[in-house]
PDB file of N, CA and C in Angstrom:
ATOM      1  N   MET A   1     -22.704 -45.116 -17.283  1.00  0.00           N
ATOM      2  CA  MET A   1     -21.847 -44.191 -16.516  1.00  0.00           C
ATOM      3  C   MET A   1     -20.661 -43.623 -17.212  1.00  0.00           C
ATOM      4  N   GLY A   2     -20.411 -42.390 -17.363  1.00  0.00           N
ATOM      5  CA  GLY A   2     -19.148 -42.154 -17.891  1.00  0.00           C
ATOM      6  C   GLY A   2     -18.139 -41.753 -16.746  1.00  0.00           C
ATOM      7  N   LYS A   3     -16.961 -41.382 -17.107  1.00  0.00           N
ATOM      8  CA  LYS A   3     -15.939 -41.121 -16.038  1.00  0.00           C
ATOM      9  C   LYS A   3     -15.237 -39.838 -16.233  1.00  0.00           C
ATOM     10  N   PHE A   4     -15.045 -39.134 -15.089  1.00  0.00           N
ATOM     11  CA  PHE A   4     -14.259 -38.051 -15.065  1.00  0.00           C
ATOM     12  C   PHE A   4     -12.894 -38.316 -14.362  1.00  0.00           C
ATOM     13  N   ILE A   5     -11.960 -38.176 -15.041  1.00  0.00           N
ATOM     14  CA  ILE A   5     -10.607 -38.487 -14.526  1.00  0.00           C
ATOM     15  C   ILE A   5      -9.582 -37.332 -14.641  1.00  0.00           C
ATOM     16  N   TYR A   6      -9.189 -37.005 -13.411  1.00  0.00           N
ATOM     17  CA  TYR A   6      -8.272 -35.837 -13.196  1.00  0.00           C
ATOM     18  C   TYR A   6      -6.934 -36.167 -12.860  1.00  0.00           C
ATOM     19  N   GLU A   7      -5.994 -35.628 -13.491  1.00  0.00           N
ATOM     20  CA  GLU A   7      -4.488 -35.963 -13.307  1.00  0.00           C
ATOM     21  C   GLU A   7      -4.050 -37.405 -13.301  1.00  0.00           C
ATOM     22  N   GLY A   8      -5.040 -38.077 -14.038  1.00  0.00           N
ATOM     23  CA  GLY A   8      -4.855 -39.668 -14.140  1.00  0.00           C
ATOM     24  C   GLY A   8      -4.921 -40.547 -12.896  1.00  0.00           C
ATOM     25  N   THR A   9      -5.327 -39.888 -11.736  1.00  0.00           N
ATOM     26  CA  THR A   9      -5.233 -40.504 -10.422  1.00  0.00           C
ATOM     27  C   THR A   9      -6.671 -40.422  -9.742  1.00  0.00           C
ATOM     28  N   VAL A  10      -7.396 -39.206  -9.943  1.00  0.00           N
ATOM     29  CA  VAL A  10      -8.681 -38.970  -9.238  1.00  0.00           C
ATOM     30  C   VAL A  10      -9.751 -39.378 -10.473  1.00  0.00           C
ATOM     31  N   ARG A  11     -10.675 -40.384 -10.023  1.00  0.00           N
ATOM     32  CA  ARG A  11     -11.731 -40.854 -10.991  1.00  0.00           C
ATOM     33  C   ARG A  11     -13.085 -40.748 -10.254  1.00  0.00           C
ATOM     34  N   ALA A  12     -14.061 -40.346 -11.119  1.00  0.00           N
ATOM     35  CA  ALA A  12     -15.316 -40.296 -10.546  1.00  0.00           C
ATOM     36  C   ALA A  12     -16.459 -40.754 -11.634  1.00  0.00           C
ATOM     37  N   ASP A  13     -17.427 -41.337 -11.398  1.00  0.00           N
ATOM     38  CA  ASP A  13     -18.375 -41.819 -12.231  1.00  0.00           C
ATOM     39  C   ASP A  13     -19.470 -40.802 -12.241  1.00  0.00           C
ATOM     40  N   PHE A  14     -20.041 -40.319 -13.490  1.00  0.00           N
ATOM     41  CA  PHE A  14     -21.101 -39.440 -13.635  1.00  0.00           C
ATOM     42  C   PHE A  14     -21.810 -39.913 -14.751  1.00  0.00           C
ATOM     43  N   ASP A  15     -23.192 -39.802 -14.823  1.00  0.00           N
ATOM     44  CA  ASP A  15     -24.027 -40.085 -15.804  1.00  0.00           C
ATOM     45  C   ASP A  15     -23.552 -39.349 -17.145  1.00  0.00           C
ATOM     46  N   ASP A  16     -23.671 -40.013 -18.263  1.00  0.00           N
ATOM     47  CA  ASP A  16     -23.198 -39.323 -19.408  1.00  0.00           C
ATOM     48  C   ASP A  16     -23.911 -37.841 -19.762  1.00  0.00           C
ATOM     49  N   ARG A  17     -25.153 -37.682 -19.395  1.00  0.00           N
ATOM     50  CA  ARG A  17     -25.737 -36.426 -19.582  1.00  0.00           C
ATOM     51  C   ARG A  17     -25.072 -35.436 -18.663  1.00  0.00           C
ATOM     52  N   LEU A  18     -24.963 -35.708 -17.372  1.00  0.00           N
ATOM     53  CA  LEU A  18     -24.231 -34.777 -16.517  1.00  0.00           C
ATOM     54  C   LEU A  18     -22.930 -34.466 -17.055  1.00  0.00           C
ATOM     55  N   LEU A  19     -22.155 -35.518 -17.399  1.00  0.00           N
ATOM     56  CA  LEU A  19     -20.862 -35.406 -17.687  1.00  0.00           C
ATOM     57  C   LEU A  19     -20.629 -34.548 -18.895  1.00  0.00           C
ATOM     58  N   ALA A  20     -21.473 -34.416 -19.931  1.00  0.00           N
ATOM     59  CA  ALA A  20     -21.593 -33.621 -21.189  1.00  0.00           C
ATOM     60  C   ALA A  20     -21.779 -32.126 -20.542  1.00  0.00           C
ATOM     61  N   HIS A  21     -22.448 -31.844 -19.633  1.00  0.00           N
ATOM     62  CA  HIS A  21     -22.649 -30.613 -19.166  1.00  0.00           C
ATOM     63  C   HIS A  21     -21.392 -30.194 -18.457  1.00  0.00           C
ATOM     64  N   LEU A  22     -20.881 -30.924 -17.644  1.00  0.00           N
ATOM     65  CA  LEU A  22     -19.562 -30.673 -16.899  1.00  0.00           C
ATOM     66  C   LEU A  22     -18.489 -30.325 -17.844  1.00  0.00           C
ATOM     67  N   GLN A  23     -18.473 -31.109 -18.941  1.00  0.00           N
ATOM     68  CA  GLN A  23     -17.339 -30.792 -20.004  1.00  0.00           C
ATOM     69  C   GLN A  23     -17.545 -29.436 -20.614  1.00  0.00           C
ATOM     70  N   VAL A  24     -18.721 -29.038 -20.850  1.00  0.00           N
ATOM     71  CA  VAL A  24     -18.887 -27.710 -21.438  1.00  0.00           C
ATOM     72  C   VAL A  24     -18.543 -26.539 -20.431  1.00  0.00           C
ATOM     73  N   VAL A  25     -18.993 -26.838 -19.069  1.00  0.00           N
ATOM     74  CA  VAL A  25     -18.635 -25.829 -18.139  1.00  0.00           C
ATOM     75  C   VAL A  25     -17.250 -25.651 -17.801  1.00  0.00           C
ATOM     76  N   ILE A  26     -16.605 -26.712 -17.582  1.00  0.00           N
ATOM     77  CA  ILE A  26     -15.173 -26.825 -17.300  1.00  0.00           C
ATOM     78  C   ILE A  26     -14.379 -26.341 -18.384  1.00  0.00           C
ATOM     79  N   GLY A  27     -14.704 -26.640 -19.655  1.00  0.00           N
ATOM     80  CA  GLY A  27     -14.086 -26.303 -20.864  1.00  0.00           C
ATOM     81  C   GLY A  27     -14.100 -24.656 -20.872  1.00  0.00           C
ATOM     82  N   ASN A  28     -15.300 -24.306 -20.759  1.00  0.00           N
ATOM     83  CA  ASN A  28     -15.480 -22.611 -20.908  1.00  0.00           C
ATOM     84  C   ASN A  28     -14.664 -21.871 -19.632  1.00  0.00           C
ATOM     85  N   LYS A  29     -14.565 -22.595 -18.422  1.00  0.00           N
ATOM     86  CA  LYS A  29     -13.833 -21.946 -17.542  1.00  0.00           C
ATOM     87  C   LYS A  29     -12.116 -21.961 -17.852  1.00  0.00           C
ATOM     88  N   LEU A  30     -11.807 -23.095 -18.465  1.00  0.00           N
ATOM     89  CA  LEU A  30     -10.400 -23.186 -18.643  1.00  0.00           C
ATOM     90  C   LEU A  30     -10.057 -22.281 -19.832  1.00  0.00           C
ATOM     91  N   ARG A  31     -11.145 -22.405 -20.751  1.00  0.00           N
ATOM     92  CA  ARG A  31     -10.768 -21.439 -22.163  1.00  0.00           C
ATOM     93  C   ARG A  31     -10.487 -20.158 -21.645  1.00  0.00           C
ATOM     94  N   ARG A  32     -11.081 -19.633 -20.543  1.00  0.00           N
ATOM     95  CA  ARG A  32     -10.895 -18.239 -20.130  1.00  0.00           C
ATOM     96  C   ARG A  32      -9.668 -18.035 -19.205  1.00  0.00           C
ATOM     97  N   GLY A  33      -9.092 -19.147 -18.891  1.00  0.00           N
ATOM     98  CA  GLY A  33      -7.942 -19.074 -17.831  1.00  0.00           C
ATOM     99  C   GLY A  33      -8.474 -18.958 -16.402  1.00  0.00           C
ATOM    100  N   GLU A  34      -9.599 -19.424 -16.179  1.00  0.00           N
ATOM    101  CA  GLU A  34     -10.137 -19.217 -14.724  1.00  0.00           C
ATOM    102  C   GLU A  34     -10.026 -20.392 -13.903  1.00  0.00           C
ATOM    103  N   PRO A  35      -9.153 -20.687 -13.063  1.00  0.00           N
ATOM    104  CA  PRO A  35      -9.154 -21.790 -12.205  1.00  0.00           C
ATOM    105  C   PRO A  35     -10.203 -21.866 -11.206  1.00  0.00           C
ATOM    106  N   PHE A  36     -10.660 -23.122 -10.705  1.00  0.00           N
ATOM    107  CA  PHE A  36     -11.683 -23.205  -9.703  1.00  0.00           C
ATOM    108  C   PHE A  36     -11.700 -24.586  -9.113  1.00  0.00           C
ATOM    109  N   TYR A  37     -12.412 -24.590  -7.990  1.00  0.00           N
ATOM    110  CA  TYR A  37     -12.609 -25.997  -7.464  1.00  0.00           C
ATOM    111  C   TYR A  37     -13.824 -26.711  -7.999  1.00  0.00           C
ATOM    112  N   PHE A  38     -13.692 -27.994  -8.126  1.00  0.00           N
ATOM    113  CA  PHE A  38     -14.818 -28.869  -8.651  1.00  0.00           C
ATOM    114  C   PHE A  38     -14.970 -29.900  -7.464  1.00  0.00           C
ATOM    115  N   GLN A  39     -16.066 -29.938  -7.014  1.00  0.00           N
ATOM    116  CA  GLN A  39     -16.227 -31.004  -5.731  1.00  0.00           C
ATOM    117  C   GLN A  39     -17.507 -31.848  -5.971  1.00  0.00           C
ATOM    118  N   TRP A  40     -17.498 -32.941  -5.547  1.00  0.00           N
ATOM    119  CA  TRP A  40     -18.740 -33.797  -5.641  1.00  0.00           C
ATOM    120  C   TRP A  40     -18.637 -34.887  -4.325  1.00  0.00           C
ATOM    121  N   LYS A  41     -19.726 -35.426  -4.214  1.00  0.00           N
ATOM    122  CA  LYS A  41     -20.003 -36.404  -3.230  1.00  0.00           C
ATOM    123  C   LYS A  41     -19.451 -37.823  -3.845  1.00  0.00           C
ATOM    124  N   ASP A  42     -18.812 -38.539  -2.996  1.00  0.00           N
ATOM    125  CA  ASP A  42     -18.419 -39.783  -3.503  1.00  0.00           C
ATOM    126  C   ASP A  42     -19.456 -40.964  -3.164  1.00  0.00           C
ATOM    127  N   ASP A  43     -19.595 -41.801  -4.144  1.00  0.00           N
ATOM    128  CA  ASP A  43     -20.499 -43.019  -3.945  1.00  0.00           C
ATOM    129  C   ASP A  43     -20.169 -43.741  -2.837  1.00  0.00           C
ATOM    130  N   LEU A  44     -21.184 -44.261  -2.114  1.00  0.00           N
ATOM    131  CA  LEU A  44     -21.037 -45.027  -0.856  1.00  0.00           C
ATOM    132  C   LEU A  44     -20.344 -46.260  -1.099  1.00  0.00           C
ATOM    133  N   SER A  45     -20.310 -46.805  -2.498  1.00  0.00           N
ATOM    134  CA  SER A  45     -19.582 -48.010  -2.725  1.00  0.00           C
ATOM    135  C   SER A  45     -18.090 -47.832  -2.694  1.00  0.00           C
ATOM    136  N   THR A  46     -17.750 -46.513  -2.898  1.00  0.00           N
ATOM    137  CA  THR A  46     -16.251 -46.178  -2.893  1.00  0.00           C
ATOM    138  C   THR A  46     -15.803 -45.709  -1.502  1.00  0.00           C
ATOM    139  N   GLY A  47     -16.704 -45.768  -0.518  1.00  0.00           N
ATOM    140  CA  GLY A  47     -16.463 -45.326   0.743  1.00  0.00           C
ATOM    141  C   GLY A  47     -17.064 -43.993   1.157  1.00  0.00           C
ATOM    142  N   GLY A  48     -17.834 -43.284   0.319  1.00  0.00           N
ATOM    143  CA  GLY A  48     -18.625 -42.179   0.700  1.00  0.00           C
ATOM    144  C   GLY A  48     -17.515 -40.940   0.709  1.00  0.00           C
ATOM    145  N   GLY A  49     -18.006 -40.029   1.429  1.00  0.00           N
ATOM    146  CA  GLY A  49     -17.170 -38.694   1.605  1.00  0.00           C
ATOM    147  C   GLY A  49     -17.442 -37.868   0.491  1.00  0.00           C
ATOM    148  N   ARG A  50     -16.384 -36.875   0.278  1.00  0.00           N
ATOM    149  CA  ARG A  50     -16.559 -35.865  -0.614  1.00  0.00           C
ATOM    150  C   ARG A  50     -15.012 -35.784  -1.266  1.00  0.00           C
ATOM    151  N   THR A  51     -15.003 -35.321  -2.558  1.00  0.00           N
ATOM    152  CA  THR A  51     -13.722 -35.077  -3.192  1.00  0.00           C
ATOM    153  C   THR A  51     -13.745 -33.724  -3.849  1.00  0.00           C
ATOM    154  N   ALA A  52     -12.841 -33.040  -3.645  1.00  0.00           N
ATOM    155  CA  ALA A  52     -12.590 -31.673  -4.425  1.00  0.00           C
ATOM    156  C   ALA A  52     -11.217 -31.596  -5.036  1.00  0.00           C
ATOM    157  N   VAL A  53     -11.238 -31.211  -6.264  1.00  0.00           N
ATOM    158  CA  VAL A  53     -10.022 -30.908  -7.069  1.00  0.00           C
ATOM    159  C   VAL A  53      -9.890 -29.443  -7.580  1.00  0.00           C
ATOM    160  N   TRP A  54      -8.720 -28.856  -7.652  1.00  0.00           N
ATOM    161  CA  TRP A  54      -8.360 -27.675  -8.137  1.00  0.00           C
ATOM    162  C   TRP A  54      -8.227 -27.766  -9.594  1.00  0.00           C
ATOM    163  N   VAL A  55      -9.066 -27.301 -10.287  1.00  0.00           N
ATOM    164  CA  VAL A  55      -9.088 -27.378 -11.778  1.00  0.00           C
ATOM    165  C   VAL A  55      -8.313 -26.019 -12.299  1.00  0.00           C
ATOM    166  N   HIS A  56      -7.333 -26.262 -13.266  1.00  0.00           N
ATOM    167  CA  HIS A  56      -6.576 -25.250 -13.732  1.00  0.00           C
ATOM    168  C   HIS A  56      -6.278 -25.416 -15.016  1.00  0.00           C
ATOM    169  N   PRO A  57      -5.770 -24.513 -15.923  1.00  0.00           N
ATOM    170  CA  PRO A  57      -5.558 -24.700 -17.311  1.00  0.00           C
ATOM    171  C   PRO A  57      -4.446 -25.849 -17.667  1.00  0.00           C
ATOM    172  N   ARG A  58      -3.586 -26.148 -16.793  1.00  0.00           N
ATOM    173  CA  ARG A  58      -2.573 -27.173 -17.110  1.00  0.00           C
ATOM    174  C   ARG A  58      -2.868 -28.469 -16.584  1.00  0.00           C
ATOM    175  N   ALA A  59      -4.059 -28.662 -15.908  1.00  0.00           N
ATOM    176  CA  ALA A  59      -4.373 -30.003 -15.397  1.00  0.00           C
ATOM    177  C   ALA A  59      -4.688 -31.014 -16.758  1.00  0.00           C
ATOM    178  N   SER A  60      -4.611 -32.129 -16.319  1.00  0.00           N
ATOM    179  CA  SER A  60      -4.866 -33.188 -17.244  1.00  0.00           C
ATOM    180  C   SER A  60      -6.265 -33.695 -16.808  1.00  0.00           C
ATOM    181  N   ILE A  61      -7.297 -33.605 -17.788  1.00  0.00           N
ATOM    182  CA  ILE A  61      -8.526 -34.015 -17.529  1.00  0.00           C
ATOM    183  C   ILE A  61      -9.148 -34.812 -18.609  1.00  0.00           C
ATOM    184  N   VAL A  62      -9.771 -35.938 -18.294  1.00  0.00           N
ATOM    185  CA  VAL A  62     -10.334 -36.859 -19.383  1.00  0.00           C
ATOM    186  C   VAL A  62     -11.854 -36.943 -18.978  1.00  0.00           C
ATOM    187  N   PHE A  63     -12.725 -36.764 -19.995  1.00  0.00           N
ATOM    188  CA  PHE A  63     -14.088 -37.119 -19.759  1.00  0.00           C
ATOM    189  C   PHE A  63     -14.352 -38.316 -20.689  1.00  0.00           C
ATOM    190  N   LYS A  64     -14.508 -39.374 -20.069  1.00  0.00           N
ATOM    191  CA  LYS A  64     -14.814 -40.688 -20.718  1.00  0.00           C
ATOM    192  C   LYS A  64     -16.220 -41.178 -20.747  1.00  0.00           C
ATOM    193  N   PHE A  65     -16.939 -40.954 -21.791  1.00  0.00           N
ATOM    194  CA  PHE A  65     -18.295 -41.314 -21.939  1.00  0.00           C
ATOM    195  C   PHE A  65     -18.668 -42.804 -22.329  1.00  0.00           C
ATOM    196  N   HIS A  66     -19.548 -43.389 -21.618  1.00  0.00           N
ATOM    197  CA  HIS A  66     -19.926 -44.681 -21.849  1.00  0.00           C
ATOM    198  C   HIS A  66     -20.616 -44.815 -23.181  1.00  0.00           C
ATOM    199  N   GLY A  67     -21.694 -43.877 -23.501  1.00  0.00           N
ATOM    200  CA  GLY A  67     -22.361 -44.062 -24.715  1.00  0.00           C
ATOM    201  C   GLY A  67     -21.713 -43.399 -25.903  1.00  0.00           C
ATOM    202  N   GLY A  68     -22.061 -43.759 -27.049  1.00  0.00           N
ATOM    203  CA  GLY A  68     -21.459 -43.051 -28.274  1.00  0.00           C
ATOM    204  C   GLY A  68     -22.019 -41.912 -28.814  1.00  0.00           C
ATOM    205  N   ARG A  69     -23.236 -41.473 -28.390  1.00  0.00           N
ATOM    206  CA  ARG A  69     -23.979 -40.368 -28.646  1.00  0.00           C
ATOM    207  C   ARG A  69     -23.842 -39.082 -27.750  1.00  0.00           C
ATOM    208  N   THR A  70     -23.671 -38.004 -28.298  1.00  0.00           N
ATOM    209  CA  THR A  70     -23.651 -36.769 -27.371  1.00  0.00           C
ATOM    210  C   THR A  70     -24.848 -36.412 -27.039  1.00  0.00           C
ATOM    211  N   PRO A  71     -25.202 -36.354 -25.520  1.00  0.00           N
ATOM    212  CA  PRO A  71     -26.374 -35.940 -25.088  1.00  0.00           C
ATOM    213  C   PRO A  71     -26.776 -34.516 -25.385  1.00  0.00           C
ATOM    214  N   ALA A  72     -28.175 -34.335 -25.541  1.00  0.00           N
ATOM    215  CA  ALA A  72     -28.551 -32.912 -25.863  1.00  0.00           C
ATOM    216  C   ALA A  72     -28.130 -32.020 -24.504  1.00  0.00           C
ATOM    217  N   VAL A  73     -27.954 -30.824 -24.884  1.00  0.00           N
ATOM    218  CA  VAL A  73     -27.536 -29.853 -23.687  1.00  0.00           C
ATOM    219  C   VAL A  73     -28.721 -28.977 -23.394  1.00  0.00           C
ATOM    220  N   ASN A  74     -28.871 -28.948 -21.976  1.00  0.00           N
ATOM    221  CA  ASN A  74     -29.929 -27.939 -21.465  1.00  0.00           C
ATOM    222  C   ASN A  74     -29.254 -26.747 -20.886  1.00  0.00           C
ATOM    223  N   ARG A  75     -29.669 -25.655 -21.554  1.00  0.00           N
ATOM    224  CA  ARG A  75     -29.099 -24.206 -21.389  1.00  0.00           C
ATOM    225  C   ARG A  75     -29.198 -23.826 -20.001  1.00  0.00           C
ATOM    226  N   HIS A  76     -30.336 -24.141 -19.439  1.00  0.00           N
ATOM    227  CA  HIS A  76     -30.636 -23.820 -17.970  1.00  0.00           C
ATOM    228  C   HIS A  76     -29.715 -24.658 -17.129  1.00  0.00           C
ATOM    229  N   TRP A  77     -29.384 -25.743 -17.231  1.00  0.00           N
ATOM    230  CA  TRP A  77     -28.468 -26.488 -16.502  1.00  0.00           C
ATOM    231  C   TRP A  77     -26.926 -25.908 -16.556  1.00  0.00           C
ATOM    232  N   LEU A  78     -26.608 -25.615 -17.819  1.00  0.00           N
ATOM    233  CA  LEU A  78     -25.395 -25.104 -17.951  1.00  0.00           C
ATOM    234  C   LEU A  78     -25.048 -23.722 -17.075  1.00  0.00           C
ATOM    235  N   GLU A  79     -26.253 -22.977 -17.269  1.00  0.00           N
ATOM    236  CA  GLU A  79     -26.114 -21.704 -16.565  1.00  0.00           C
ATOM    237  C   GLU A  79     -26.059 -21.782 -15.218  1.00  0.00           C
ATOM    238  N   ALA A  80     -26.833 -22.877 -14.561  1.00  0.00           N
ATOM    239  CA  ALA A  80     -26.742 -23.046 -13.083  1.00  0.00           C
ATOM    240  C   ALA A  80     -25.366 -23.598 -12.742  1.00  0.00           C
ATOM    241  N   LEU A  81     -24.982 -24.647 -13.454  1.00  0.00           N
ATOM    242  CA  LEU A  81     -23.599 -25.086 -13.244  1.00  0.00           C
ATOM    243  C   LEU A  81     -22.492 -24.020 -13.357  1.00  0.00           C
ATOM    244  N   MET A  82     -22.671 -23.191 -14.354  1.00  0.00           N
ATOM    245  CA  MET A  82     -21.541 -22.126 -14.425  1.00  0.00           C
ATOM    246  C   MET A  82     -21.670 -21.134 -13.359  1.00  0.00           C
ATOM    247  N   THR A  83     -22.856 -20.869 -12.881  1.00  0.00           N
ATOM    248  CA  THR A  83     -23.026 -20.006 -11.656  1.00  0.00           C
ATOM    249  C   THR A  83     -22.298 -20.550 -10.347  1.00  0.00           C
ATOM    250  N   MET A  84     -22.442 -21.876 -10.287  1.00  0.00           N
ATOM    251  CA  MET A  84     -21.835 -22.649  -9.256  1.00  0.00           C
ATOM    252  C   MET A  84     -20.084 -22.601  -9.421  1.00  0.00           C
ATOM    253  N   ALA A  85     -19.732 -22.660 -10.637  1.00  0.00           N
ATOM    254  CA  ALA A  85     -18.361 -22.592 -10.902  1.00  0.00           C
ATOM    255  C   ALA A  85     -17.764 -21.357 -10.600  1.00  0.00           C
ATOM    256  N   ASN A  86     -18.584 -20.310 -10.829  1.00  0.00           N
ATOM    257  CA  ASN A  86     -18.077 -18.879 -10.565  1.00  0.00           C
ATOM    258  C   ASN A  86     -18.269 -18.587  -9.090  1.00  0.00           C
ATOM    259  N   SER A  87     -18.711 -19.294  -8.228  1.00  0.00           N
ATOM    260  CA  SER A  87     -18.926 -19.043  -6.825  1.00  0.00           C
ATOM    261  C   SER A  87     -17.620 -19.374  -6.041  1.00  0.00           C
ATOM    262  N   PRO A  88     -17.535 -18.735  -4.880  1.00  0.00           N
ATOM    263  CA  PRO A  88     -16.446 -18.983  -3.966  1.00  0.00           C
ATOM    264  C   PRO A  88     -16.251 -20.539  -3.636  1.00  0.00           C
ATOM    265  N   THR A  89     -17.353 -21.197  -3.632  1.00  0.00           N
ATOM    266  CA  THR A  89     -17.242 -22.693  -3.109  1.00  0.00           C
ATOM    267  C   THR A  89     -16.887 -23.520  -4.367  1.00  0.00           C
ATOM    268  N   GLY A  90     -16.894 -23.025  -5.494  1.00  0.00           N
ATOM    269  CA  GLY A  90     -16.637 -23.765  -6.810  1.00  0.00           C
ATOM    270  C   GLY A  90     -17.668 -24.601  -7.392  1.00  0.00           C
ATOM    271  N   LEU A  91     -17.401 -25.388  -8.492  1.00  0.00           N
ATOM    272  CA  LEU A  91     -18.479 -26.134  -9.156  1.00  0.00           C
ATOM    273  C   LEU A  91     -18.891 -27.288  -8.309  1.00  0.00           C
ATOM    274  N   TYR A  92     -20.131 -27.555  -8.223  1.00  0.00           N
ATOM    275  CA  TYR A  92     -20.699 -28.824  -7.720  1.00  0.00           C
ATOM    276  C   TYR A  92     -21.973 -29.059  -8.433  1.00  0.00           C
ATOM    277  N   VAL A  93     -22.393 -30.219  -8.411  1.00  0.00           N
ATOM    278  CA  VAL A  93     -23.474 -30.751  -9.186  1.00  0.00           C
ATOM    279  C   VAL A  93     -24.894 -30.167  -8.477  1.00  0.00           C
ATOM    280  N   VAL A  94     -25.701 -29.562  -9.395  1.00  0.00           N
ATOM    281  CA  VAL A  94     -26.941 -29.225  -8.867  1.00  0.00           C
ATOM    282  C   VAL A  94     -27.962 -30.000  -9.811  1.00  0.00           C
ATOM    283  N   PRO A  95     -29.163 -30.237  -9.346  1.00  0.00           N
ATOM    284  CA  PRO A  95     -30.196 -31.083 -10.170  1.00  0.00           C
ATOM    285  C   PRO A  95     -30.600 -30.159 -11.452  1.00  0.00           C
ATOM    286  N   GLU A  96     -30.809 -31.110 -12.360  1.00  0.00           N
ATOM    287  CA  GLU A  96     -31.140 -30.555 -13.768  1.00  0.00           C
ATOM    288  C   GLU A  96     -32.509 -29.868 -13.775  1.00  0.00           C
ATOM    289  N   PRO A  97     -32.614 -28.514 -14.036  1.00  0.00           N
ATOM    290  CA  PRO A  97     -33.883 -27.895 -14.239  1.00  0.00           C
ATOM    291  C   PRO A  97     -34.657 -28.287 -15.466  1.00  0.00           C
ATOM    292  N   PRO A  98     -35.991 -28.203 -15.493  1.00  0.00           N
ATOM    293  CA  PRO A  98     -36.697 -28.418 -16.738  1.00  0.00           C
ATOM    294  C   PRO A  98     -36.263 -27.485 -17.944  1.00  0.00           C
ATOM    295  N   GLU A  99     -36.039 -27.888 -19.021  1.00  0.00           N
ATOM    296  CA  GLU A  99     -35.603 -26.971 -20.094  1.00  0.00           C
ATOM    297  C   GLU A  99     -36.521 -25.824 -20.355  1.00  0.00           C
ATOM    298  N   ASP A 100     -37.802 -25.904 -19.995  1.00  0.00           N
ATOM    299  CA  ASP A 100     -38.743 -24.979 -20.504  1.00  0.00           C
ATOM    300  C   ASP A 100     -38.995 -24.129 -19.219  1.00  0.00           C
ATOM    301  N   ALA A 101     -38.239 -24.438 -18.178  1.00  0.00           N
ATOM    302  CA  ALA A 101     -38.632 -23.501 -16.855  1.00  0.00           C
ATOM    303  C   ALA A 101     -37.987 -22.180 -17.001  1.00  0.00           C
ATOM    304  N   PRO A 102     -38.507 -21.160 -16.550  1.00  0.00           N
ATOM    305  CA  PRO A 102     -37.870 -19.744 -16.608  1.00  0.00           C
ATOM    306  C   PRO A 102     -36.674 -19.726 -15.854  1.00  0.00           C
ATOM    307  N   LEU A 103     -35.508 -19.092 -16.231  1.00  0.00           N
ATOM    308  CA  LEU A 103     -34.235 -18.879 -15.466  1.00  0.00           C
ATOM    309  C   LEU A 103     -34.539 -18.266 -14.256  1.00  0.00           C
ATOM    310  N   PRO A 104     -34.029 -18.553 -13.110  1.00  0.00           N
ATOM    311  CA  PRO A 104     -34.078 -17.819 -11.712  1.00  0.00           C
ATOM    312  C   PRO A 104     -33.486 -16.388 -11.920  1.00  0.00           C
ATOM    313  N   GLU A 105     -34.085 -15.501 -11.375  1.00  0.00           N
ATOM    314  CA  GLU A 105     -33.501 -14.228 -11.556  1.00  0.00           C
ATOM    315  C   GLU A 105     -31.913 -13.969 -11.192  1.00  0.00           C
ATOM    316  N   SER A 106     -31.553 -14.806 -10.426  1.00  0.00           N
ATOM    317  CA  SER A 106     -30.111 -14.858 -10.229  1.00  0.00           C
ATOM    318  C   SER A 106     -29.093 -15.284 -11.364  1.00  0.00           C
ATOM    319  N   LEU A 107     -29.823 -16.102 -12.282  1.00  0.00           N
ATOM    320  CA  LEU A 107     -29.124 -16.627 -13.441  1.00  0.00           C
ATOM    321  C   LEU A 107     -29.427 -15.754 -14.633  1.00  0.00           C
ATOM    322  N   GLY A 108     -30.622 -15.107 -14.643  1.00  0.00           N
ATOM    323  CA  GLY A 108     -30.996 -14.340 -15.971  1.00  0.00           C
ATOM    324  C   GLY A 108     -30.565 -12.970 -16.242  1.00  0.00           C
TER     325      GLY A 108
END
């Protein structure tokens, strides 16, 4: 499990594969100067609930990966996550679609 660390105080554990996709999506949004909300469900071991952070170009963000290898990137998942990041509710994790699945019309 990798770690997403926001402003040095908010920490969340994510699978390295998911974290790699989040890094690409968040990096692309910030490169464009587009702030957005990022929200996730907290693990029951930490009390459950939900956390949301306002991601902006001046935010301090760390992506700490557990493994040493960069996971392969699934274009379909990137597009689905980017669609979420561009929505009024902001970025949240959606299940990874198969790499060979056709893109939904809303994403294509």
